[in-house]
C-alpha atoms as a PDB file:
ATOM      1  CA  MET A   1      43.648  13.738 -20.147  1.00  0.00           C
ATOM      2  CA  LEU A   2      43.031  16.998 -22.002  1.00  0.00           C
ATOM      3  CA  GLN A   3      39.961  15.666 -23.803  1.00  0.00           C
ATOM      4  CA  GLU A   4      38.276  14.862 -20.475  1.00  0.00           C
ATOM      5  CA  GLU A   5      39.282  18.242 -19.021  1.00  0.00           C
ATOM      6  CA  VAL A   6      37.570  20.043 -21.904  1.00  0.00           C
ATOM      7  CA  LEU A   7      34.428  17.933 -21.644  1.00  0.00           C
ATOM      8  CA  HIS A   8      34.174  18.468 -17.886  1.00  0.00           C
ATOM      9  CA  MET A   9      34.238  22.243 -18.308  1.00  0.00           C
ATOM     10  CA  PHE A  10      30.526  21.931 -19.055  1.00  0.00           C
ATOM     11  CA  PRO A  11      27.629  20.736 -16.870  1.00  0.00           C
ATOM     12  CA  GLU A  12      26.789  17.081 -17.417  1.00  0.00           C
ATOM     13  CA  SER A  13      23.521  17.973 -19.157  1.00  0.00           C
ATOM     14  CA  MET A  14      25.455  19.808 -21.904  1.00  0.00           C
ATOM     15  CA  ARG A  15      28.306  17.389 -22.512  1.00  0.00           C
ATOM     16  CA  ASP A  16      26.824  15.533 -25.465  1.00  0.00           C
ATOM     17  CA  ARG A  17      27.033  18.744 -27.476  1.00  0.00           C
ATOM     18  CA  TRP A  18      30.715  19.161 -26.634  1.00  0.00           C
ATOM     19  CA  ARG A  19      32.062  15.643 -27.242  1.00  0.00           C
ATOM     20  CA  LYS A  20      33.178  16.326 -30.815  1.00  0.00           C
ATOM     21  CA  VAL A  21      34.893  19.554 -29.784  1.00  0.00           C
ATOM     22  CA  ALA A  22      36.596  17.780 -26.882  1.00  0.00           C
ATOM     23  CA  GLY A  23      37.801  15.188 -29.372  1.00  0.00           C
ATOM     24  CA  GLN A  24      39.859  17.979 -30.976  1.00  0.00           C
ATOM     25  CA  ALA A  25      41.423  18.930 -27.623  1.00  0.00           C
ATOM     26  CA  ASP A  26      45.032  18.575 -28.771  1.00  0.00           C
ATOM     27  CA  LYS A  27      44.476  21.286 -31.409  1.00  0.00           C
ATOM     28  CA  LEU A  28      41.788  23.270 -29.585  1.00  0.00           C
ATOM     29  CA  GLN A  29      42.800  26.818 -28.636  1.00  0.00           C
ATOM     30  CA  GLU A  30      39.645  28.709 -27.684  1.00  0.00           C
ATOM     31  CA  ILE A  31      35.949  28.222 -27.015  1.00  0.00           C
ATOM     32  CA  ARG A  32      33.914  31.432 -27.244  1.00  0.00           C
ATOM     33  CA  LEU A  33      30.445  31.568 -25.734  1.00  0.00           C
ATOM     34  CA  ARG A  34      28.303  34.664 -26.288  1.00  0.00           C
ATOM     35  CA  ALA A  35      24.695  34.909 -25.130  1.00  0.00           C
ATOM     36  CA  LYS A  36      22.230  34.670 -28.047  1.00  0.00           C
ATOM     37  CA  ALA A  37      25.082  34.366 -30.541  1.00  0.00           C
ATOM     38  CA  PRO A  38      26.665  31.418 -32.375  1.00  0.00           C
ATOM     39  CA  VAL A  39      29.219  29.344 -30.467  1.00  0.00           C
ATOM     40  CA  THR A  40      32.687  29.474 -32.026  1.00  0.00           C
ATOM     41  CA  VAL A  41      35.883  27.555 -31.402  1.00  0.00           C
ATOM     42  CA  LEU A  42      39.442  28.105 -32.585  1.00  0.00           C
ATOM     43  CA  ILE A  43      41.166  24.908 -33.696  1.00  0.00           C
ATOM     44  CA  HIS A  44      44.676  25.071 -35.087  1.00  0.00           C
ATOM     45  CA  ASN A  45      44.245  28.811 -35.826  1.00  0.00           C
ATOM     46  CA  ARG A  46      40.986  28.261 -37.740  1.00  0.00           C
ATOM     47  CA  GLU A  47      37.572  29.383 -36.506  1.00  0.00           C
ATOM     48  CA  TRP A  48      34.618  26.977 -36.570  1.00  0.00           C
ATOM     49  CA  PHE A  49      30.980  27.298 -35.532  1.00  0.00           C
ATOM     50  CA  VAL A  50      29.460  24.657 -33.246  1.00  0.00           C
ATOM     51  CA  ASN A  51      25.807  23.900 -33.984  1.00  0.00           C
ATOM     52  CA  GLU A  52      23.227  22.497 -31.563  1.00  0.00           C
ATOM     53  CA  LYS A  53      24.232  18.934 -32.467  1.00  0.00           C
ATOM     54  CA  GLY A  54      27.843  19.648 -31.554  1.00  0.00           C
ATOM     55  CA  GLU A  55      28.988  19.505 -35.172  1.00  0.00           C
ATOM     56  CA  LEU A  56      31.798  21.734 -36.400  1.00  0.00           C
ATOM     57  CA  THR A  57      30.862  23.812 -39.426  1.00  0.00           C
ATOM     58  CA  ASP A  58      32.323  26.782 -41.282  1.00  0.00           C
ATOM     59  CA  LYS A  59      28.818  28.139 -41.949  1.00  0.00           C
ATOM     60  CA  GLN A  60      26.980  30.180 -39.365  1.00  0.00           C
ATOM     61  CA  PRO A  61      24.182  28.054 -37.851  1.00  0.00           C
ATOM     62  CA  ALA A  62      20.621  29.305 -38.086  1.00  0.00           C
ATOM     63  CA  GLU A  63      19.981  28.790 -34.383  1.00  0.00           C
ATOM     64  CA  ALA A  64      20.812  31.472 -31.802  1.00  0.00           C
ATOM     65  CA  GLY A  65      23.605  29.475 -30.195  1.00  0.00           C
ATOM     66  CA  ILE A  66      23.654  29.598 -26.405  1.00  0.00           C
ATOM     67  CA  SER A  67      21.081  31.222 -24.138  1.00  0.00           C
ATOM     68  CA  PRO A  68      21.938  33.509 -21.200  1.00  0.00           C
ATOM     69  CA  GLU A  69      20.641  30.809 -18.856  1.00  0.00           C
ATOM     70  CA  GLU A  70      22.893  28.145 -20.399  1.00  0.00           C
ATOM     71  CA  LEU A  71      25.874  30.467 -20.262  1.00  0.00           C
ATOM     72  CA  GLU A  72      25.180  31.183 -16.610  1.00  0.00           C
ATOM     73  CA  ALA A  73      24.997  27.446 -15.933  1.00  0.00           C
ATOM     74  CA  VAL A  74      28.435  26.995 -17.524  1.00  0.00           C
ATOM     75  CA  LEU A  75      29.871  29.801 -15.401  1.00  0.00           C
ATOM     76  CA  LYS A  76      28.427  28.360 -12.185  1.00  0.00           C
ATOM     77  CA  HIS A  77      29.844  24.951 -13.096  1.00  0.00           C
ATOM     78  CA  LEU A  78      33.299  26.427 -13.754  1.00  0.00           C
ATOM     79  CA  CYS A  79      33.124  28.138 -10.348  1.00  0.00           C
ATOM     80  CA  GLN A  80      32.149  24.846  -8.691  1.00  0.00           C
ATOM     81  CA  TYR A  81      28.737  26.382  -7.904  1.00  0.00           C
ATOM     82  CA  SER A  82      30.298  29.016  -5.623  1.00  0.00           C
ATOM     83  CA  ILE A  83      30.710  32.175  -7.698  1.00  0.00           C
ATOM     84  CA  TYR A  84      31.353  34.125  -4.497  1.00  0.00           C
ATOM     85  CA  ALA A  85      34.562  32.136  -3.929  1.00  0.00           C
ATOM     86  CA  PHE A  86      35.875  33.381  -7.273  1.00  0.00           C
ATOM     87  CA  ALA A  87      34.803  37.016  -6.784  1.00  0.00           C
ATOM     88  CA  ASP A  88      38.369  38.375  -6.782  1.00  0.00           C
ATOM     89  CA  GLU A  89      39.200  36.674 -10.069  1.00  0.00           C
ATOM     90  CA  ILE A  90      35.880  37.674 -11.653  1.00  0.00           C
ATOM     91  CA  ARG A  91      36.600  41.305 -10.759  1.00  0.00           C
ATOM     92  CA  GLN A  92      39.832  41.034 -12.778  1.00  0.00           C
ATOM     93  CA  GLY A  93      37.979  39.574 -15.747  1.00  0.00           C
ATOM     94  CA  PHE A  94      39.192  35.980 -15.773  1.00  0.00           C
ATOM     95  CA  LEU A  95      39.146  32.643 -13.987  1.00  0.00           C
ATOM     96  CA  THR A  96      41.849  30.000 -13.876  1.00  0.00           C
ATOM     97  CA  ILE A  97      40.343  26.532 -13.728  1.00  0.00           C
ATOM     98  CA  GLN A  98      41.695  23.051 -13.098  1.00  0.00           C
ATOM     99  CA  GLY A  99      44.266  22.132 -15.709  1.00  0.00           C
ATOM    100  CA  GLY A 100      45.559  25.712 -15.948  1.00  0.00           C
ATOM    101  CA  HIS A 101      42.947  26.774 -18.509  1.00  0.00           C
ATOM    102  CA  ARG A 102      41.847  30.430 -18.423  1.00  0.00           C
ATOM    103  CA  VAL A 103      38.330  31.747 -18.837  1.00  0.00           C
ATOM    104  CA  GLY A 104      37.963  35.367 -19.883  1.00  0.00           C
ATOM    105  CA  LEU A 105      34.772  37.068 -18.682  1.00  0.00           C
ATOM    106  CA  SER A 106      32.795  40.075 -19.857  1.00  0.00           C
ATOM    107  CA  GLY A 107      29.480  41.549 -18.832  1.00  0.00           C
ATOM    108  CA  GLN A 108      28.210  44.482 -16.818  1.00  0.00           C
ATOM    109  CA  VAL A 109      30.675  45.885 -14.305  1.00  0.00           C
ATOM    110  CA  ILE A 110      29.817  47.241 -10.874  1.00  0.00           C
ATOM    111  CA  LEU A 111      31.958  50.241  -9.976  1.00  0.00           C
ATOM    112  CA  GLY A 112      33.137  51.091  -6.490  1.00  0.00           C
ATOM    113  CA  GLU A 113      35.223  53.917  -5.069  1.00  0.00           C
ATOM    114  CA  GLU A 114      37.318  55.955  -7.511  1.00  0.00           C
ATOM    115  CA  ASN A 115      35.511  54.220 -10.395  1.00  0.00           C
ATOM    116  CA  ARG A 116      37.374  50.992  -9.751  1.00  0.00           C
ATOM    117  CA  ILE A 117      35.749  47.718 -10.744  1.00  0.00           C
ATOM    118  CA  ARG A 118      34.198  46.172  -7.643  1.00  0.00           C
ATOM    119  CA  ASN A 119      32.453  43.226  -9.272  1.00  0.00           C
ATOM    120  CA  MET A 120      30.800  42.013 -12.444  1.00  0.00           C
ATOM    121  CA  LYS A 121      27.234  40.863 -13.098  1.00  0.00           C
ATOM    122  CA  TYR A 122      25.210  39.677 -16.076  1.00  0.00           C
ATOM    123  CA  ILE A 123      28.275  37.879 -17.398  1.00  0.00           C
ATOM    124  CA  ARG A 124      27.239  37.054 -20.939  1.00  0.00           C
ATOM    125  CA  TYR A 125      30.544  36.455 -22.704  1.00  0.00           C
ATOM    126  CA  LEU A 126      33.086  33.710 -21.968  1.00  0.00           C
ATOM    127  CA  ASN A 127      36.355  32.978 -23.734  1.00  0.00           C
ATOM    128  CA  ILE A 128      37.753  29.624 -22.599  1.00  0.00           C
ATOM    129  CA  ARG A 129      41.431  29.476 -23.535  1.00  0.00           C
ATOM    130  CA  ILE A 130      42.811  25.942 -23.541  1.00  0.00           C
ATOM    131  CA  ALA A 131      46.230  25.548 -21.945  1.00  0.00           C
ATOM    132  CA  HIS A 132      48.757  23.535 -23.923  1.00  0.00           C
ATOM    133  CA  GLU A 133      51.928  22.868 -21.992  1.00  0.00           C
ATOM    134  CA  LEU A 134      54.869  22.553 -24.388  1.00  0.00           C
ATOM    135  CA  LYS A 135      57.976  21.271 -22.676  1.00  0.00           C
ATOM    136  CA  GLY A 136      61.288  21.665 -24.414  1.00  0.00           C
ATOM    137  CA  VAL A 137      60.445  24.787 -26.434  1.00  0.00           C
ATOM    138  CA  ALA A 138      63.273  26.618 -24.661  1.00  0.00           C
ATOM    139  CA  ASP A 139      65.882  23.957 -25.485  1.00  0.00           C
ATOM    140  CA  PRO A 140      67.433  25.929 -28.393  1.00  0.00           C
ATOM    141  CA  VAL A 141      68.096  28.994 -26.211  1.00  0.00           C
ATOM    142  CA  MET A 142      69.134  27.550 -22.843  1.00  0.00           C
ATOM    143  CA  PHE A 143      72.850  27.332 -23.694  1.00  0.00           C
ATOM    144  CA  HIS A 144      72.924  31.110 -24.198  1.00  0.00           C
ATOM    145  CA  LEU A 145      71.219  31.887 -20.871  1.00  0.00           C
ATOM    146  CA  TYR A 146      74.092  30.621 -18.715  1.00  0.00           C
ATOM    147  CA  GLU A 147      77.649  31.740 -18.136  1.00  0.00           C
ATOM    148  CA  ASN A 148      80.027  29.680 -15.990  1.00  0.00           C
ATOM    149  CA  GLY A 149      77.040  27.769 -14.606  1.00  0.00           C
ATOM    150  CA  GLN A 150      75.177  30.938 -13.574  1.00  0.00           C
ATOM    151  CA  VAL A 151      71.860  32.161 -14.958  1.00  0.00           C
ATOM    152  CA  LEU A 152      72.079  35.399 -16.942  1.00  0.00           C
ATOM    153  CA  ASN A 153      69.545  38.226 -16.699  1.00  0.00           C
ATOM    154  CA  THR A 154      67.310  37.585 -19.704  1.00  0.00           C
ATOM    155  CA  LEU A 155      64.534  39.522 -21.466  1.00  0.00           C
ATOM    156  CA  LEU A 156      62.201  37.781 -23.932  1.00  0.00           C
ATOM    157  CA  ILE A 157      60.897  40.103 -26.662  1.00  0.00           C
ATOM    158  CA  SER A 158      57.894  38.987 -28.674  1.00  0.00           C
ATOM    159  CA  PRO A 159      54.867  40.306 -30.557  1.00  0.00           C
ATOM    160  CA  PRO A 160      51.479  39.001 -29.342  1.00  0.00           C
ATOM    161  CA  GLY A 161      50.743  35.386 -30.204  1.00  0.00           C
ATOM    162  CA  CYS A 162      54.338  34.220 -30.616  1.00  0.00           C
ATOM    163  CA  GLY A 163      54.509  32.066 -27.495  1.00  0.00           C
ATOM    164  CA  LYS A 164      56.560  34.234 -25.162  1.00  0.00           C
ATOM    165  CA  THR A 165      54.706  33.042 -22.056  1.00  0.00           C
ATOM    166  CA  THR A 166      55.113  29.415 -23.167  1.00  0.00           C
ATOM    167  CA  MET A 167      58.833  30.040 -23.683  1.00  0.00           C
ATOM    168  CA  LEU A 168      59.100  31.812 -20.320  1.00  0.00           C
ATOM    169  CA  ARG A 169      57.373  28.914 -18.551  1.00  0.00           C
ATOM    170  CA  ASP A 170      59.789  26.377 -20.029  1.00  0.00           C
ATOM    171  CA  ILE A 171      62.826  28.514 -19.164  1.00  0.00           C
ATOM    172  CA  ILE A 172      61.578  28.731 -15.580  1.00  0.00           C
ATOM    173  CA  ARG A 173      61.064  24.974 -15.430  1.00  0.00           C
ATOM    174  CA  GLN A 174      64.518  24.190 -16.741  1.00  0.00           C
ATOM    175  CA  ILE A 175      66.294  26.712 -14.502  1.00  0.00           C
ATOM    176  CA  SER A 176      64.382  25.356 -11.511  1.00  0.00           C
ATOM    177  CA  ASP A 177      65.041  21.677 -12.247  1.00  0.00           C
ATOM    178  CA  GLY A 178      68.583  22.213 -13.484  1.00  0.00           C
ATOM    179  CA  THR A 179      70.133  21.732 -16.915  1.00  0.00           C
ATOM    180  CA  ALA A 180      73.392  20.585 -18.425  1.00  0.00           C
ATOM    181  CA  TYR A 181      74.525  24.225 -18.170  1.00  0.00           C
ATOM    182  CA  GLY A 182      73.808  24.846 -14.480  1.00  0.00           C
ATOM    183  CA  ARG A 183      72.375  23.254 -11.358  1.00  0.00           C
ATOM    184  CA  GLY A 184      68.768  23.783 -10.313  1.00  0.00           C
ATOM    185  CA  VAL A 185      68.120  26.929  -8.248  1.00  0.00           C
ATOM    186  CA  ASN A 186      65.227  28.504  -6.348  1.00  0.00           C
ATOM    187  CA  VAL A 187      62.967  30.475  -8.690  1.00  0.00           C
ATOM    188  CA  SER A 188      60.165  32.834  -7.644  1.00  0.00           C
ATOM    189  CA  VAL A 189      57.442  33.770 -10.122  1.00  0.00           C
ATOM    190  CA  VAL A 190      55.101  36.740  -9.937  1.00  0.00           C
ATOM    191  CA  ASP A 191      52.172  35.344 -11.931  1.00  0.00           C
ATOM    192  CA  GLU A 192      50.046  38.473 -12.133  1.00  0.00           C
ATOM    193  CA  ARG A 193      47.471  37.047 -14.565  1.00  0.00           C
ATOM    194  CA  SER A 194      47.825  33.346 -13.703  1.00  0.00           C
ATOM    195  CA  GLU A 195      49.203  32.618 -17.166  1.00  0.00           C
ATOM    196  CA  ILE A 196      52.602  31.188 -16.275  1.00  0.00           C
ATOM    197  CA  ALA A 197      51.867  28.579 -13.620  1.00  0.00           C
ATOM    198  CA  GLY A 198      48.106  28.442 -14.203  1.00  0.00           C
ATOM    199  CA  SER A 199      47.453  28.067 -10.477  1.00  0.00           C
ATOM    200  CA  TYR A 200      44.156  26.555  -9.384  1.00  0.00           C
ATOM    201  CA  LEU A 201      43.295  26.793  -5.672  1.00  0.00           C
ATOM    202  CA  GLY A 202      46.894  27.872  -5.130  1.00  0.00           C
ATOM    203  CA  VAL A 203      48.507  24.875  -6.849  1.00  0.00           C
ATOM    204  CA  ALA A 204      50.417  25.303 -10.125  1.00  0.00           C
ATOM    205  CA  GLN A 205      48.725  23.320 -12.883  1.00  0.00           C
ATOM    206  CA  ASN A 206      51.664  23.792 -15.251  1.00  0.00           C
ATOM    207  CA  ASP A 207      55.093  22.300 -14.589  1.00  0.00           C
ATOM    208  CA  VAL A 208      57.257  25.238 -13.530  1.00  0.00           C
ATOM    209  CA  GLY A 209      59.939  23.139 -11.844  1.00  0.00           C
ATOM    210  CA  ILE A 210      60.564  21.549  -8.471  1.00  0.00           C
ATOM    211  CA  ARG A 211      62.298  24.606  -6.935  1.00  0.00           C
ATOM    212  CA  THR A 212      59.762  27.210  -8.039  1.00  0.00           C
ATOM    213  CA  ASP A 213      57.519  29.298  -5.775  1.00  0.00           C
ATOM    214  CA  VAL A 214      54.546  31.126  -7.302  1.00  0.00           C
ATOM    215  CA  LEU A 215      52.813  34.302  -6.178  1.00  0.00           C
ATOM    216  CA  ASP A 216      49.507  34.223  -8.036  1.00  0.00           C
ATOM    217  CA  GLY A 217      47.303  37.161  -9.002  1.00  0.00           C
ATOM    218  CA  CYS A 218      49.585  39.831  -7.534  1.00  0.00           C
ATOM    219  CA  PRO A 219      50.744  43.007  -9.317  1.00  0.00           C
ATOM    220  CA  LYS A 220      54.365  42.731 -10.418  1.00  0.00           C
ATOM    221  CA  VAL A 221      55.856  45.596  -8.390  1.00  0.00           C
ATOM    222  CA  GLU A 222      54.392  44.519  -5.045  1.00  0.00           C
ATOM    223  CA  GLY A 223      54.938  40.857  -5.897  1.00  0.00           C
ATOM    224  CA  MET A 224      58.624  41.154  -6.667  1.00  0.00           C
ATOM    225  CA  MET A 225      59.363  42.889  -3.379  1.00  0.00           C
ATOM    226  CA  LEU A 226      57.225  40.450  -1.387  1.00  0.00           C
ATOM    227  CA  LEU A 227      58.956  37.396  -2.872  1.00  0.00           C
ATOM    228  CA  ILE A 228      62.431  38.797  -2.269  1.00  0.00           C
ATOM    229  CA  ARG A 229      61.568  39.320   1.395  1.00  0.00           C
ATOM    230  CA  SER A 230      59.726  36.058   1.917  1.00  0.00           C
ATOM    231  CA  MET A 231      61.188  33.410  -0.399  1.00  0.00           C
ATOM    232  CA  ALA A 232      64.821  34.475  -0.955  1.00  0.00           C
ATOM    233  CA  PRO A 233      64.856  33.534  -4.657  1.00  0.00           C
ATOM    234  CA  GLN A 234      68.016  33.141  -6.684  1.00  0.00           C
ATOM    235  CA  VAL A 235      66.033  33.851  -9.862  1.00  0.00           C
ATOM    236  CA  LEU A 236      62.963  36.085 -10.167  1.00  0.00           C
ATOM    237  CA  ALA A 237      60.613  35.738 -13.159  1.00  0.00           C
ATOM    238  CA  VAL A 238      57.841  38.071 -14.363  1.00  0.00           C
ATOM    239  CA  ASP A 239      55.740  38.383 -17.509  1.00  0.00           C
ATOM    240  CA  GLU A 240      54.963  41.461 -19.614  1.00  0.00           C
ATOM    241  CA  LEU A 241      56.902  44.477 -18.389  1.00  0.00           C
ATOM    242  CA  GLY A 242      54.920  47.608 -19.086  1.00  0.00           C
ATOM    243  CA  SER A 243      55.659  50.507 -16.747  1.00  0.00           C
ATOM    244  CA  ASP A 244      58.345  52.557 -15.017  1.00  0.00           C
ATOM    245  CA  GLY A 245      57.325  50.890 -11.765  1.00  0.00           C
ATOM    246  CA  ASP A 246      58.064  47.434 -13.188  1.00  0.00           C
ATOM    247  CA  ILE A 247      61.540  48.582 -14.237  1.00  0.00           C
ATOM    248  CA  GLN A 248      62.314  50.175 -10.875  1.00  0.00           C
ATOM    249  CA  ALA A 249      61.303  46.958  -9.110  1.00  0.00           C
ATOM    250  CA  LEU A 250      63.584  44.938 -11.416  1.00  0.00           C
ATOM    251  CA  PHE A 251      66.567  47.137 -10.552  1.00  0.00           C
ATOM    252  CA  MET A 252      65.790  46.749  -6.849  1.00  0.00           C
ATOM    253  CA  ALA A 253      65.575  42.971  -7.259  1.00  0.00           C
ATOM    254  CA  SER A 254      68.852  42.919  -9.142  1.00  0.00           C
ATOM    255  CA  GLY A 255      70.438  44.957  -6.369  1.00  0.00           C
ATOM    256  CA  CYS A 256      69.361  42.242  -3.926  1.00  0.00           C
ATOM    257  CA  GLY A 257      71.330  39.658  -5.904  1.00  0.00           C
ATOM    258  CA  CYS A 258      68.460  38.078  -7.864  1.00  0.00           C
ATOM    259  CA  LYS A 259      68.894  37.035 -11.445  1.00  0.00           C
ATOM    260  CA  LEU A 260      66.013  38.181 -13.647  1.00  0.00           C
ATOM    261  CA  ILE A 261      63.918  36.522 -16.348  1.00  0.00           C
ATOM    262  CA  ALA A 262      61.237  38.761 -17.888  1.00  0.00           C
ATOM    263  CA  THR A 263      59.193  39.336 -21.048  1.00  0.00           C
ATOM    264  CA  ILE A 264      58.020  42.381 -22.973  1.00  0.00           C
ATOM    265  CA  HIS A 265      55.875  42.982 -26.039  1.00  0.00           C
ATOM    266  CA  GLY A 266      57.829  44.073 -29.097  1.00  0.00           C
ATOM    267  CA  ASN A 267      58.630  43.170 -32.689  1.00  0.00           C
ATOM    268  CA  SER A 268      62.368  43.700 -32.420  1.00  0.00           C
ATOM    269  CA  LEU A 269      65.194  44.766 -30.132  1.00  0.00           C
ATOM    270  CA  GLU A 270      65.230  48.158 -31.836  1.00  0.00           C
ATOM    271  CA  GLU A 271      61.532  48.676 -31.156  1.00  0.00           C
ATOM    272  CA  VAL A 272      61.957  47.849 -27.482  1.00  0.00           C
ATOM    273  CA  LYS A 273      64.884  50.286 -27.244  1.00  0.00           C
ATOM    274  CA  GLY A 274      62.471  52.994 -28.343  1.00  0.00           C
ATOM    275  CA  LYS A 275      60.128  52.494 -25.387  1.00  0.00           C
ATOM    276  CA  LYS A 276      60.601  55.335 -22.926  1.00  0.00           C
ATOM    277  CA  TYR A 277      60.783  53.183 -19.819  1.00  0.00           C
ATOM    278  CA  MET A 278      63.296  50.813 -21.462  1.00  0.00           C
ATOM    279  CA  ARG A 279      65.976  53.395 -22.271  1.00  0.00           C
ATOM    280  CA  TYR A 280      67.342  53.353 -18.742  1.00  0.00           C
ATOM    281  CA  VAL A 281      67.400  49.544 -18.826  1.00  0.00           C
ATOM    282  CA  MET A 282      69.440  49.497 -22.021  1.00  0.00           C
ATOM    283  CA  GLU A 283      71.795  52.254 -20.936  1.00  0.00           C
ATOM    284  CA  ASN A 284      72.552  50.489 -17.661  1.00  0.00           C
ATOM    285  CA  ARG A 285      72.758  47.032 -19.262  1.00  0.00           C
ATOM    286  CA  LEU A 286      70.391  45.386 -16.806  1.00  0.00           C
ATOM    287  CA  PHE A 287      69.903  42.374 -19.085  1.00  0.00           C
ATOM    288  CA  ASP A 288      72.716  40.154 -20.338  1.00  0.00           C
ATOM    289  CA  ARG A 289      70.627  38.413 -22.998  1.00  0.00           C
ATOM    290  CA  TYR A 290      67.757  39.450 -25.257  1.00  0.00           C
ATOM    291  CA  VAL A 291      65.781  36.613 -26.861  1.00  0.00           C
ATOM    292  CA  VAL A 292      63.669  37.900 -29.750  1.00  0.00           C
ATOM    293  CA  LEU A 293      60.731  35.806 -30.987  1.00  0.00           C
ATOM    294  CA  GLY A 294      58.985  36.338 -34.309  1.00  0.00           C
ATOM    295  CA  LYS A 295      56.902  34.712 -37.016  1.00  0.00           C
ATOM    296  CA  TYR A 296      58.297  33.232 -40.210  1.00  0.00           C
ATOM    297  CA  GLN A 297      55.892  31.835 -42.814  1.00  0.00           C
ATOM    298  CA  GLY A 298      53.221  31.645 -40.112  1.00  0.00           C
ATOM    299  CA  ARG A 299      55.423  29.783 -37.631  1.00  0.00           C
ATOM    300  CA  CYS A 300      56.663  31.199 -34.336  1.00  0.00           C
ATOM    301  CA  GLU A 301      60.404  30.873 -33.883  1.00  0.00           C
ATOM    302  CA  VAL A 302      63.480  32.446 -32.276  1.00  0.00           C
ATOM    303  CA  GLU A 303      64.508  35.345 -34.512  1.00  0.00           C
ATOM    304  CA  GLY A 304      67.748  35.952 -32.666  1.00  0.00           C
ATOM    305  CA  ILE A 305      69.578  36.117 -29.337  1.00  0.00           C
ATOM    306  CA  TYR A 306      71.581  39.233 -28.457  1.00  0.00           C
ATOM    307  CA  ASP A 307      74.085  40.104 -25.716  1.00  0.00           C
ATOM    308  CA  ARG A 308      73.970  43.189 -23.505  1.00  0.00           C
ATOM    309  CA  GLU A 309      75.695  45.228 -26.207  1.00  0.00           C
ATOM    310  CA  GLY A 310      73.065  44.246 -28.765  1.00  0.00           C
ATOM    311  CA  ARG A 311      75.364  41.886 -30.667  1.00  0.00           C
ATOM    312  CA  ARG A 312      73.938  38.652 -32.045  1.00  0.00           C
ATOM    313  CA  CYS A 313      74.766  35.470 -30.157  1.00  0.00           C
ATOM    314  CA  LEU A 314      72.473  33.310 -32.303  1.00  0.00           C
ATOM    315  CA  ASN A 315      71.034  33.996 -35.764  1.00  0.00           C
END
């Protein structure tokens, strides 16, 4: 139960303060903890302060909020009292915890060779992002992602905060399990930032389908090639294209016979066409479908679906 998951993110000695927040779990989006600063939460897109009694208020409390020692206790609890075991994730700036929830971390970095981040210490800022699995959000688009029972190469285009990863996750689940438009097939997912499957100790916490294999925490380029060699996927899925290397890997995967499902940041198909590394993609018609997400009167929705020629399939 989500309410219990939220409550158990905190050491037992702190849970009384968090019971009212946990009671809002279905609408809870973020919990932000900053040392010597007020505690804030985001509930249904509205920010609230949490005072020492655990009450939600829109006025900044007089008290300091959470101490560095308390914040460190929360972090140790989230790491199951073995921070060393989570060193690789901490170095990347986030943890994925049971339930698929993500914890962003910030503090003082320790640099290694070539000024690369080797570790992080004095972690004094946590952003706990609550995972809400929404099944069925891809239902309106699934019909357009198949042709003669076969999955079409599809690119999701979305500005930040419009649910592209949620949509991607549901598309993966449905392709993996099978739909009225095509049988279930083997799907491989490169989950570079643990946002799609939300893996915890290697096990997907989100439902990504019964025929889905997940490579967690691996860069997209290396991950795509590894999965093609090792798992022989029929469909390969990745989140947030952002470089020439990503595009080259997609073309290689397509050449191996994999169908592709991917996402990219953008406000429109025209904007994405203007990205330097996407011109080659468009010219060579790598994708058969473009699903564009947007906001209308504050709501996230499908703005349109386009074919490889850029013609609308769905308004």
